[in-house]
Amino acid sequence: MSRSYEEGGRAGCFQLRRARQTGTLVGVYHSEQAGLDETGDPTTKWFTVCEDHGRLVGHPSLHLARWHASDPMGWCGVCAGTEEPDEDVTPREHDDTVEVSP
């Protein structure tokens, strides 16, 4: 039986932290448990998600997902300033029910 992840009350969330580099909320999710496994790629087991901008990137290992979480400017175009934010994405940082680990 595999472990169930639910950091901050979010299904499949292994880690939820504010990135020092950008101040944005970044989550690391188990793809199947979070419902992010629709990519069809069985090697993508983990996702790093910029909660503020709705951008995500898939990884084959938890180690890589956690490493990317510390550098959102490397994979989130909005954090990097190379993309405009989507108007229909509401930052999750305003969700009062979320407890963020330092």
PDB file of N, CA and C in Angstrom:
ATOM      1  N   MET A   1       0.842  -1.186   0.000  1.00  0.00           N
ATOM      2  CA  MET A   1       0.000   0.000   0.000  1.00  0.00           C
ATOM      3  C   MET A   1       0.882   1.242   0.000  1.00  0.00           C
ATOM      4  N   SER A   2       0.592   2.191  -0.872  1.00  0.00           N
ATOM      5  CA  SER A   2       1.404   3.395  -0.945  1.00  0.00           C
ATOM      6  C   SER A   2       0.924   4.429   0.072  1.00  0.00           C
ATOM      7  N   ARG A   3       1.803   5.315   0.415  1.00  0.00           N
ATOM      8  CA  ARG A   3       1.504   6.368   1.374  1.00  0.00           C
ATOM      9  C   ARG A   3       0.570   7.405   0.753  1.00  0.00           C
ATOM     10  N   SER A   4      -0.315   7.959   1.575  1.00  0.00           N
ATOM     11  CA  SER A   4      -1.250   8.982   1.114  1.00  0.00           C
ATOM     12  C   SER A   4      -0.727  10.354   1.544  1.00  0.00           C
ATOM     13  N   TYR A   5      -0.718  11.311   0.625  1.00  0.00           N
ATOM     14  CA  TYR A   5      -0.209  12.656   0.893  1.00  0.00           C
ATOM     15  C   TYR A   5      -1.361  13.652   0.903  1.00  0.00           C
ATOM     16  N   GLU A   6      -1.337  14.583   1.882  1.00  0.00           N
ATOM     17  CA  GLU A   6      -2.394  15.581   1.965  1.00  0.00           C
ATOM     18  C   GLU A   6      -1.938  16.799   2.777  1.00  0.00           C
ATOM     19  N   GLU A   7      -0.818  17.377   2.419  1.00  0.00           N
ATOM     20  CA  GLU A   7      -0.307  18.585   3.074  1.00  0.00           C
ATOM     21  C   GLU A   7      -1.275  19.743   2.836  1.00  0.00           C
ATOM     22  N   GLY A   8      -1.560  20.494   3.860  1.00  0.00           N
ATOM     23  CA  GLY A   8      -2.435  21.662   3.721  1.00  0.00           C
ATOM     24  C   GLY A   8      -3.853  21.307   3.305  1.00  0.00           C
ATOM     25  N   GLY A   9      -4.267  20.046   3.522  1.00  0.00           N
ATOM     26  CA  GLY A   9      -5.605  19.624   3.156  1.00  0.00           C
ATOM     27  C   GLY A   9      -5.813  19.425   1.664  1.00  0.00           C
ATOM     28  N   ARG A  10      -4.734  19.339   0.908  1.00  0.00           N
ATOM     29  CA  ARG A  10      -4.815  19.174  -0.551  1.00  0.00           C
ATOM     30  C   ARG A  10      -4.441  17.747  -0.933  1.00  0.00           C
ATOM     31  N   ALA A  11      -5.318  17.088  -1.640  1.00  0.00           N
ATOM     32  CA  ALA A  11      -5.091  15.705  -2.054  1.00  0.00           C
ATOM     33  C   ALA A  11      -3.797  15.583  -2.853  1.00  0.00           C
ATOM     34  N   GLY A  12      -2.973  14.623  -2.467  1.00  0.00           N
ATOM     35  CA  GLY A  12      -1.740  14.343  -3.183  1.00  0.00           C
ATOM     36  C   GLY A  12      -0.601  15.297  -2.901  1.00  0.00           C
ATOM     37  N   CYS A  13      -0.801  16.277  -2.036  1.00  0.00           N
ATOM     38  CA  CYS A  13       0.233  17.279  -1.768  1.00  0.00           C
ATOM     39  C   CYS A  13       1.244  16.759  -0.749  1.00  0.00           C
ATOM     40  N   PHE A  14       2.483  16.627  -1.179  1.00  0.00           N
ATOM     41  CA  PHE A  14       3.575  16.174  -0.311  1.00  0.00           C
ATOM     42  C   PHE A  14       4.178  17.337   0.463  1.00  0.00           C
ATOM     43  N   GLN A  15       4.301  18.483  -0.192  1.00  0.00           N
ATOM     44  CA  GLN A  15       4.972  19.642   0.409  1.00  0.00           C
ATOM     45  C   GLN A  15       4.336  20.913  -0.118  1.00  0.00           C
ATOM     46  N   LEU A  16       4.177  21.897   0.769  1.00  0.00           N
ATOM     47  CA  LEU A  16       3.616  23.185   0.389  1.00  0.00           C
ATOM     48  C   LEU A  16       4.421  24.257   1.100  1.00  0.00           C
ATOM     49  N   ARG A  17       5.181  25.042   0.328  1.00  0.00           N
ATOM     50  CA  ARG A  17       6.076  26.026   0.923  1.00  0.00           C
ATOM     51  C   ARG A  17       6.089  27.310   0.106  1.00  0.00           C
ATOM     52  N   ARG A  18       6.482  28.375   0.753  1.00  0.00           N
ATOM     53  CA  ARG A  18       6.663  29.648   0.072  1.00  0.00           C
ATOM     54  C   ARG A  18       8.122  29.713  -0.382  1.00  0.00           C
ATOM     55  N   ALA A  19       8.335  29.943  -1.674  1.00  0.00           N
ATOM     56  CA  ALA A  19       9.690  30.003  -2.225  1.00  0.00           C
ATOM     57  C   ALA A  19      10.373  31.286  -1.773  1.00  0.00           C
ATOM     58  N   ARG A  20      11.558  31.172  -1.239  1.00  0.00           N
ATOM     59  CA  ARG A  20      12.316  32.348  -0.786  1.00  0.00           C
ATOM     60  C   ARG A  20      12.627  33.288  -1.946  1.00  0.00           C
ATOM     61  N   GLN A  21      12.936  32.712  -3.082  1.00  0.00           N
ATOM     62  CA  GLN A  21      13.361  33.453  -4.265  1.00  0.00           C
ATOM     63  C   GLN A  21      12.284  34.408  -4.785  1.00  0.00           C
ATOM     64  N   THR A  22      11.022  33.956  -4.750  1.00  0.00           N
ATOM     65  CA  THR A  22       9.942  34.732  -5.365  1.00  0.00           C
ATOM     66  C   THR A  22       8.820  35.116  -4.400  1.00  0.00           C
ATOM     67  N   GLY A  23       8.747  34.433  -3.272  1.00  0.00           N
ATOM     68  CA  GLY A  23       7.655  34.665  -2.334  1.00  0.00           C
ATOM     69  C   GLY A  23       6.360  33.973  -2.737  1.00  0.00           C
ATOM     70  N   THR A  24       6.389  33.181  -3.808  1.00  0.00           N
ATOM     71  CA  THR A  24       5.193  32.483  -4.276  1.00  0.00           C
ATOM     72  C   THR A  24       5.031  31.148  -3.560  1.00  0.00           C
ATOM     73  N   LEU A  25       3.804  30.681  -3.511  1.00  0.00           N
ATOM     74  CA  LEU A  25       3.483  29.403  -2.888  1.00  0.00           C
ATOM     75  C   LEU A  25       3.720  28.293  -3.900  1.00  0.00           C
ATOM     76  N   VAL A  26       4.515  27.282  -3.521  1.00  0.00           N
ATOM     77  CA  VAL A  26       4.874  26.186  -4.419  1.00  0.00           C
ATOM     78  C   VAL A  26       4.551  24.860  -3.739  1.00  0.00           C
ATOM     79  N   GLY A  27       3.877  23.983  -4.471  1.00  0.00           N
ATOM     80  CA  GLY A  27       3.528  22.672  -3.953  1.00  0.00           C
ATOM     81  C   GLY A  27       4.192  21.564  -4.734  1.00  0.00           C
ATOM     82  N   VAL A  28       4.425  20.449  -4.033  1.00  0.00           N
ATOM     83  CA  VAL A  28       4.936  19.228  -4.668  1.00  0.00           C
ATOM     84  C   VAL A  28       3.849  18.172  -4.498  1.00  0.00           C
ATOM     85  N   TYR A  29       3.395  17.610  -5.616  1.00  0.00           N
ATOM     86  CA  TYR A  29       2.254  16.709  -5.610  1.00  0.00           C
ATOM     87  C   TYR A  29       2.574  15.341  -6.200  1.00  0.00           C
ATOM     88  N   HIS A  30       1.995  14.303  -5.602  1.00  0.00           N
ATOM     89  CA  HIS A  30       2.015  12.962  -6.176  1.00  0.00           C
ATOM     90  C   HIS A  30       0.975  12.979  -7.292  1.00  0.00           C
ATOM     91  N   SER A  31       1.386  12.706  -8.521  1.00  0.00           N
ATOM     92  CA  SER A  31       0.517  12.916  -9.680  1.00  0.00           C
ATOM     93  C   SER A  31      -0.801  12.150  -9.615  1.00  0.00           C
ATOM     94  N   GLU A  32      -0.759  10.886  -9.279  1.00  0.00           N
ATOM     95  CA  GLU A  32      -1.990  10.083  -9.261  1.00  0.00           C
ATOM     96  C   GLU A  32      -2.936  10.534  -8.147  1.00  0.00           C
ATOM     97  N   GLN A  33      -2.408  10.750  -6.956  1.00  0.00           N
ATOM     98  CA  GLN A  33      -3.250  11.141  -5.826  1.00  0.00           C
ATOM     99  C   GLN A  33      -3.865  12.529  -6.006  1.00  0.00           C
ATOM    100  N   ALA A  34      -3.160  13.401  -6.715  1.00  0.00           N
ATOM    101  CA  ALA A  34      -3.646  14.762  -6.928  1.00  0.00           C
ATOM    102  C   ALA A  34      -4.513  14.875  -8.184  1.00  0.00           C
ATOM    103  N   GLY A  35      -4.621  13.785  -8.939  1.00  0.00           N
ATOM    104  CA  GLY A  35      -5.412  13.812 -10.167  1.00  0.00           C
ATOM    105  C   GLY A  35      -4.701  14.520 -11.299  1.00  0.00           C
ATOM    106  N   LEU A  36      -3.383  14.533 -11.259  1.00  0.00           N
ATOM    107  CA  LEU A  36      -2.591  15.196 -12.293  1.00  0.00           C
ATOM    108  C   LEU A  36      -1.961  14.198 -13.256  1.00  0.00           C
ATOM    109  N   ASP A  37      -2.415  12.962 -13.234  1.00  0.00           N
ATOM    110  CA  ASP A  37      -1.790  11.925 -14.048  1.00  0.00           C
ATOM    111  C   ASP A  37      -2.394  11.772 -15.438  1.00  0.00           C
ATOM    112  N   GLU A  38      -3.146  12.779 -15.886  1.00  0.00           N
ATOM    113  CA  GLU A  38      -3.766  12.698 -17.211  1.00  0.00           C
ATOM    114  C   GLU A  38      -2.771  12.885 -18.355  1.00  0.00           C
ATOM    115  N   THR A  39      -1.511  13.145 -18.050  1.00  0.00           N
ATOM    116  CA  THR A  39      -0.509  13.298 -19.100  1.00  0.00           C
ATOM    117  C   THR A  39      -0.302  11.998 -19.868  1.00  0.00           C
ATOM    118  N   GLY A  40      -0.612  10.878 -19.232  1.00  0.00           N
ATOM    119  CA  GLY A  40      -0.435   9.589 -19.877  1.00  0.00           C
ATOM    120  C   GLY A  40       0.986   9.074 -19.817  1.00  0.00           C
ATOM    121  N   ASP A  41       1.878   9.845 -19.237  1.00  0.00           N
ATOM    122  CA  ASP A  41       3.276   9.436 -19.125  1.00  0.00           C
ATOM    123  C   ASP A  41       3.479   8.737 -17.780  1.00  0.00           C
ATOM    124  N   PRO A  42       3.680   7.401 -17.776  1.00  0.00           N
ATOM    125  CA  PRO A  42       3.813   6.671 -16.514  1.00  0.00           C
ATOM    126  C   PRO A  42       5.071   7.026 -15.727  1.00  0.00           C
ATOM    127  N   THR A  43       6.035   7.690 -16.364  1.00  0.00           N
ATOM    128  CA  THR A  43       7.257   8.064 -15.649  1.00  0.00           C
ATOM    129  C   THR A  43       7.094   9.371 -14.871  1.00  0.00           C
ATOM    130  N   THR A  44       6.017  10.119 -15.135  1.00  0.00           N
ATOM    131  CA  THR A  44       5.785  11.375 -14.419  1.00  0.00           C
ATOM    132  C   THR A  44       4.969  11.074 -13.171  1.00  0.00           C
ATOM    133  N   LYS A  45       5.677  10.836 -12.069  1.00  0.00           N
ATOM    134  CA  LYS A  45       5.030  10.466 -10.807  1.00  0.00           C
ATOM    135  C   LYS A  45       4.787  11.667  -9.896  1.00  0.00           C
ATOM    136  N   TRP A  46       5.499  12.763 -10.125  1.00  0.00           N
ATOM    137  CA  TRP A  46       5.442  13.936  -9.244  1.00  0.00           C
ATOM    138  C   TRP A  46       5.325  15.215 -10.063  1.00  0.00           C
ATOM    139  N   PHE A  47       4.677  16.213  -9.488  1.00  0.00           N
ATOM    140  CA  PHE A  47       4.550  17.523 -10.118  1.00  0.00           C
ATOM    141  C   PHE A  47       4.945  18.610  -9.134  1.00  0.00           C
ATOM    142  N   THR A  48       5.615  19.620  -9.647  1.00  0.00           N
ATOM    143  CA  THR A  48       5.881  20.834  -8.894  1.00  0.00           C
ATOM    144  C   THR A  48       4.920  21.883  -9.438  1.00  0.00           C
ATOM    145  N   VAL A  49       4.191  22.551  -8.541  1.00  0.00           N
ATOM    146  CA  VAL A  49       3.134  23.467  -8.950  1.00  0.00           C
ATOM    147  C   VAL A  49       3.352  24.845  -8.335  1.00  0.00           C
ATOM    148  N   CYS A  50       3.353  25.879  -9.177  1.00  0.00           N
ATOM    149  CA  CYS A  50       3.352  27.253  -8.678  1.00  0.00           C
ATOM    150  C   CYS A  50       1.887  27.569  -8.391  1.00  0.00           C
ATOM    151  N   GLU A  51       1.529  27.566  -7.132  1.00  0.00           N
ATOM    152  CA  GLU A  51       0.136  27.750  -6.734  1.00  0.00           C
ATOM    153  C   GLU A  51      -0.373  29.150  -7.097  1.00  0.00           C
ATOM    154  N   ASP A  52       0.489  30.128  -7.081  1.00  0.00           N
ATOM    155  CA  ASP A  52       0.082  31.498  -7.371  1.00  0.00           C
ATOM    156  C   ASP A  52      -0.220  31.736  -8.833  1.00  0.00           C
ATOM    157  N   HIS A  53       0.475  31.009  -9.720  1.00  0.00           N
ATOM    158  CA  HIS A  53       0.333  31.262 -11.152  1.00  0.00           C
ATOM    159  C   HIS A  53      -0.264  30.094 -11.934  1.00  0.00           C
ATOM    160  N   GLY A  54      -0.488  28.964 -11.277  1.00  0.00           N
ATOM    161  CA  GLY A  54      -1.102  27.823 -11.949  1.00  0.00           C
ATOM    162  C   GLY A  54      -0.191  27.092 -12.910  1.00  0.00           C
ATOM    163  N   ARG A  55       1.106  27.311 -12.840  1.00  0.00           N
ATOM    164  CA  ARG A  55       2.048  26.614 -13.722  1.00  0.00           C
ATOM    165  C   ARG A  55       2.524  25.344 -13.022  1.00  0.00           C
ATOM    166  N   LEU A  56       2.789  24.297 -13.805  1.00  0.00           N
ATOM    167  CA  LEU A  56       3.287  23.062 -13.226  1.00  0.00           C
ATOM    168  C   LEU A  56       4.264  22.391 -14.156  1.00  0.00           C
ATOM    169  N   VAL A  57       5.112  21.543 -13.563  1.00  0.00           N
ATOM    170  CA  VAL A  57       6.097  20.788 -14.326  1.00  0.00           C
ATOM    171  C   VAL A  57       6.185  19.389 -13.710  1.00  0.00           C
ATOM    172  N   GLY A  58       6.251  18.356 -14.584  1.00  0.00           N
ATOM    173  CA  GLY A  58       6.288  16.971 -14.128  1.00  0.00           C
ATOM    174  C   GLY A  58       7.694  16.430 -13.978  1.00  0.00           C
ATOM    175  N   HIS A  59       7.816  15.441 -13.073  1.00  0.00           N
ATOM    176  CA  HIS A  59       9.124  14.845 -12.768  1.00  0.00           C
ATOM    177  C   HIS A  59       8.975  13.340 -12.532  1.00  0.00           C
ATOM    178  N   PRO A  60      10.030  12.578 -12.816  1.00  0.00           N
ATOM    179  CA  PRO A  60       9.979  11.136 -12.553  1.00  0.00           C
ATOM    180  C   PRO A  60      10.241  10.776 -11.088  1.00  0.00           C
ATOM    181  N   SER A  61      10.778  11.727 -10.302  1.00  0.00           N
ATOM    182  CA  SER A  61      11.106  11.403  -8.906  1.00  0.00           C
ATOM    183  C   SER A  61      10.727  12.540  -7.961  1.00  0.00           C
ATOM    184  N   LEU A  62      10.496  12.175  -6.712  1.00  0.00           N
ATOM    185  CA  LEU A  62      10.214  13.153  -5.665  1.00  0.00           C
ATOM    186  C   LEU A  62      11.418  14.067  -5.461  1.00  0.00           C
ATOM    187  N   HIS A  63      12.599  13.516  -5.552  1.00  0.00           N
ATOM    188  CA  HIS A  63      13.818  14.310  -5.387  1.00  0.00           C
ATOM    189  C   HIS A  63      13.860  15.474  -6.385  1.00  0.00           C
ATOM    190  N   LEU A  64      13.590  15.197  -7.649  1.00  0.00           N
ATOM    191  CA  LEU A  64      13.596  16.252  -8.669  1.00  0.00           C
ATOM    192  C   LEU A  64      12.478  17.268  -8.436  1.00  0.00           C
ATOM    193  N   ALA A  65      11.313  16.792  -8.045  1.00  0.00           N
ATOM    194  CA  ALA A  65      10.183  17.697  -7.796  1.00  0.00           C
ATOM    195  C   ALA A  65      10.511  18.660  -6.654  1.00  0.00           C
ATOM    196  N   ARG A  66      11.108  18.152  -5.590  1.00  0.00           N
ATOM    197  CA  ARG A  66      11.476  19.013  -4.456  1.00  0.00           C
ATOM    198  C   ARG A  66      12.580  19.987  -4.844  1.00  0.00           C
ATOM    199  N   TRP A  67      13.515  19.540  -5.659  1.00  0.00           N
ATOM    200  CA  TRP A  67      14.603  20.417  -6.099  1.00  0.00           C
ATOM    201  C   TRP A  67      14.043  21.582  -6.920  1.00  0.00           C
ATOM    202  N   HIS A  68      13.119  21.289  -7.817  1.00  0.00           N
ATOM    203  CA  HIS A  68      12.504  22.336  -8.642  1.00  0.00           C
ATOM    204  C   HIS A  68      11.646  23.291  -7.809  1.00  0.00           C
ATOM    205  N   ALA A  69      11.079  22.803  -6.726  1.00  0.00           N
ATOM    206  CA  ALA A  69      10.227  23.646  -5.877  1.00  0.00           C
ATOM    207  C   ALA A  69      11.008  24.819  -5.292  1.00  0.00           C
ATOM    208  N   SER A  70      12.292  24.643  -5.104  1.00  0.00           N
ATOM    209  CA  SER A  70      13.098  25.718  -4.525  1.00  0.00           C
ATOM    210  C   SER A  70      13.507  26.776  -5.552  1.00  0.00           C
ATOM    211  N   ASP A  71      13.219  26.531  -6.830  1.00  0.00           N
ATOM    212  CA  ASP A  71      13.613  27.454  -7.890  1.00  0.00           C
ATOM    213  C   ASP A  71      12.488  27.682  -8.896  1.00  0.00           C
ATOM    214  N   PRO A  72      11.372  28.311  -8.479  1.00  0.00           N
ATOM    215  CA  PRO A  72      10.258  28.487  -9.420  1.00  0.00           C
ATOM    216  C   PRO A  72      10.586  29.366 -10.617  1.00  0.00           C
ATOM    217  N   MET A  73      11.590  30.216 -10.518  1.00  0.00           N
ATOM    218  CA  MET A  73      11.958  31.051 -11.659  1.00  0.00           C
ATOM    219  C   MET A  73      12.531  30.213 -12.803  1.00  0.00           C
ATOM    220  N   GLY A  74      12.954  29.000 -12.505  1.00  0.00           N
ATOM    221  CA  GLY A  74      13.507  28.116 -13.519  1.00  0.00           C
ATOM    222  C   GLY A  74      12.456  27.403 -14.359  1.00  0.00           C
ATOM    223  N   TRP A  75      11.192  27.371 -13.904  1.00  0.00           N
ATOM    224  CA  TRP A  75      10.166  26.625 -14.645  1.00  0.00           C
ATOM    225  C   TRP A  75       8.806  27.336 -14.715  1.00  0.00           C
ATOM    226  N   CYS A  76       8.569  28.325 -13.884  1.00  0.00           N
ATOM    227  CA  CYS A  76       7.320  29.096 -13.963  1.00  0.00           C
ATOM    228  C   CYS A  76       7.614  30.388 -14.710  1.00  0.00           C
ATOM    229  N   GLY A  77       7.067  30.499 -15.906  1.00  0.00           N
ATOM    230  CA  GLY A  77       7.326  31.673 -16.731  1.00  0.00           C
ATOM    231  C   GLY A  77       6.861  32.974 -16.115  1.00  0.00           C
ATOM    232  N   VAL A  78       5.800  32.921 -15.314  1.00  0.00           N
ATOM    233  CA  VAL A  78       5.311  34.140 -14.670  1.00  0.00           C
ATOM    234  C   VAL A  78       6.298  34.586 -13.599  1.00  0.00           C
ATOM    235  N   CYS A  79       6.786  33.642 -12.796  1.00  0.00           N
ATOM    236  CA  CYS A  79       7.793  33.977 -11.778  1.00  0.00           C
ATOM    237  C   CYS A  79       9.066  34.526 -12.426  1.00  0.00           C
ATOM    238  N   ALA A  80       9.427  33.959 -13.575  1.00  0.00           N
ATOM    239  CA  ALA A  80      10.639  34.384 -14.281  1.00  0.00           C
ATOM    240  C   ALA A  80      10.452  35.696 -15.028  1.00  0.00           C
ATOM    241  N   GLY A  81       9.193  36.107 -15.201  1.00  0.00           N
ATOM    242  CA  GLY A  81       8.917  37.352 -15.912  1.00  0.00           C
ATOM    243  C   GLY A  81       8.880  37.206 -17.416  1.00  0.00           C
ATOM    244  N   THR A  82       8.821  35.958 -17.910  1.00  0.00           N
ATOM    245  CA  THR A  82       8.794  35.730 -19.356  1.00  0.00           C
ATOM    246  C   THR A  82       7.382  35.473 -19.877  1.00  0.00           C
ATOM    247  N   GLU A  83       6.406  35.312 -18.986  1.00  0.00           N
ATOM    248  CA  GLU A  83       5.010  35.078 -19.374  1.00  0.00           C
ATOM    249  C   GLU A  83       4.106  36.001 -18.569  1.00  0.00           C
ATOM    250  N   GLU A  84       2.972  36.310 -19.143  1.00  0.00           N
ATOM    251  CA  GLU A  84       1.954  37.087 -18.439  1.00  0.00           C
ATOM    252  C   GLU A  84       1.092  36.135 -17.610  1.00  0.00           C
ATOM    253  N   PRO A  85       0.642  36.567 -16.438  1.00  0.00           N
ATOM    254  CA  PRO A  85      -0.248  35.700 -15.648  1.00  0.00           C
ATOM    255  C   PRO A  85      -1.593  35.507 -16.335  1.00  0.00           C
ATOM    256  N   ASP A  86      -2.197  34.341 -16.137  1.00  0.00           N
ATOM    257  CA  ASP A  86      -3.534  34.067 -16.657  1.00  0.00           C
ATOM    258  C   ASP A  86      -4.543  34.795 -15.783  1.00  0.00           C
ATOM    259  N   GLU A  87      -5.472  35.485 -16.414  1.00  0.00           N
ATOM    260  CA  GLU A  87      -6.477  36.236 -15.671  1.00  0.00           C
ATOM    261  C   GLU A  87      -7.410  35.333 -14.881  1.00  0.00           C
ATOM    262  N   ASP A  88      -7.608  34.100 -15.363  1.00  0.00           N
ATOM    263  CA  ASP A  88      -8.547  33.208 -14.697  1.00  0.00           C
ATOM    264  C   ASP A  88      -7.912  32.353 -13.596  1.00  0.00           C
ATOM    265  N   VAL A  89      -6.628  32.560 -13.298  1.00  0.00           N
ATOM    266  CA  VAL A  89      -5.966  31.829 -12.223  1.00  0.00           C
ATOM    267  C   VAL A  89      -5.984  32.689 -10.969  1.00  0.00           C
ATOM    268  N   THR A  90      -6.611  32.158  -9.918  1.00  0.00           N
ATOM    269  CA  THR A  90      -6.664  32.857  -8.647  1.00  0.00           C
ATOM    270  C   THR A  90      -5.568  32.298  -7.754  1.00  0.00           C
ATOM    271  N   PRO A  91      -4.659  33.143  -7.281  1.00  0.00           N
ATOM    272  CA  PRO A  91      -3.593  32.645  -6.405  1.00  0.00           C
ATOM    273  C   PRO A  91      -4.173  31.990  -5.165  1.00  0.00           C
ATOM    274  N   ARG A  92      -3.627  30.851  -4.808  1.00  0.00           N
ATOM    275  CA  ARG A  92      -4.105  30.122  -3.640  1.00  0.00           C
ATOM    276  C   ARG A  92      -3.560  30.699  -2.339  1.00  0.00           C
ATOM    277  N   GLU A  93      -2.640  31.654  -2.417  1.00  0.00           N
ATOM    278  CA  GLU A  93      -2.051  32.213  -1.214  1.00  0.00           C
ATOM    279  C   GLU A  93      -3.095  32.892  -0.332  1.00  0.00           C
ATOM    280  N   HIS A  94      -4.245  33.241  -0.893  1.00  0.00           N
ATOM    281  CA  HIS A  94      -5.287  33.917  -0.134  1.00  0.00           C
ATOM    282  C   HIS A  94      -6.239  32.939   0.533  1.00  0.00           C
ATOM    283  N   ASP A  95      -5.973  31.637   0.397  1.00  0.00           N
ATOM    284  CA  ASP A  95      -6.799  30.613   1.006  1.00  0.00           C
ATOM    285  C   ASP A  95      -6.419  30.519   2.482  1.00  0.00           C
ATOM    286  N   ASP A  96      -7.276  30.998   3.368  1.00  0.00           N
ATOM    287  CA  ASP A  96      -6.982  31.042   4.793  1.00  0.00           C
ATOM    288  C   ASP A  96      -6.913  29.657   5.435  1.00  0.00           C
ATOM    289  N   THR A  97      -7.389  28.637   4.743  1.00  0.00           N
ATOM    290  CA  THR A  97      -7.366  27.299   5.326  1.00  0.00           C
ATOM    291  C   THR A  97      -6.032  26.608   5.137  1.00  0.00           C
ATOM    292  N   VAL A  98      -5.129  27.196   4.382  1.00  0.00           N
ATOM    293  CA  VAL A  98      -3.842  26.569   4.082  1.00  0.00           C
ATOM    294  C   VAL A  98      -2.800  26.992   5.093  1.00  0.00           C
ATOM    295  N   GLU A  99      -2.170  26.010   5.728  1.00  0.00           N
ATOM    296  CA  GLU A  99      -1.052  26.288   6.612  1.00  0.00           C
ATOM    297  C   GLU A  99       0.211  26.019   5.828  1.00  0.00           C
ATOM    298  N   VAL A 100       1.041  27.030   5.697  1.00  0.00           N
ATOM    299  CA  VAL A 100       2.255  26.905   4.898  1.00  0.00           C
ATOM    300  C   VAL A 100       3.437  26.672   5.807  1.00  0.00           C
ATOM    301  N   SER A 101       4.232  25.632   5.470  1.00  0.00           N
ATOM    302  CA  SER A 101       5.446  25.355   6.222  1.00  0.00           C
ATOM    303  C   SER A 101       6.518  26.368   5.858  1.00  0.00           C
ATOM    304  N   PRO A 102       7.307  26.814   6.821  1.00  0.00           N
ATOM    305  CA  PRO A 102       8.370  27.781   6.511  1.00  0.00           C
ATOM    306  C   PRO A 102       9.491  27.166   5.720  1.00  0.00           C
TER     307      PRO A 102
END
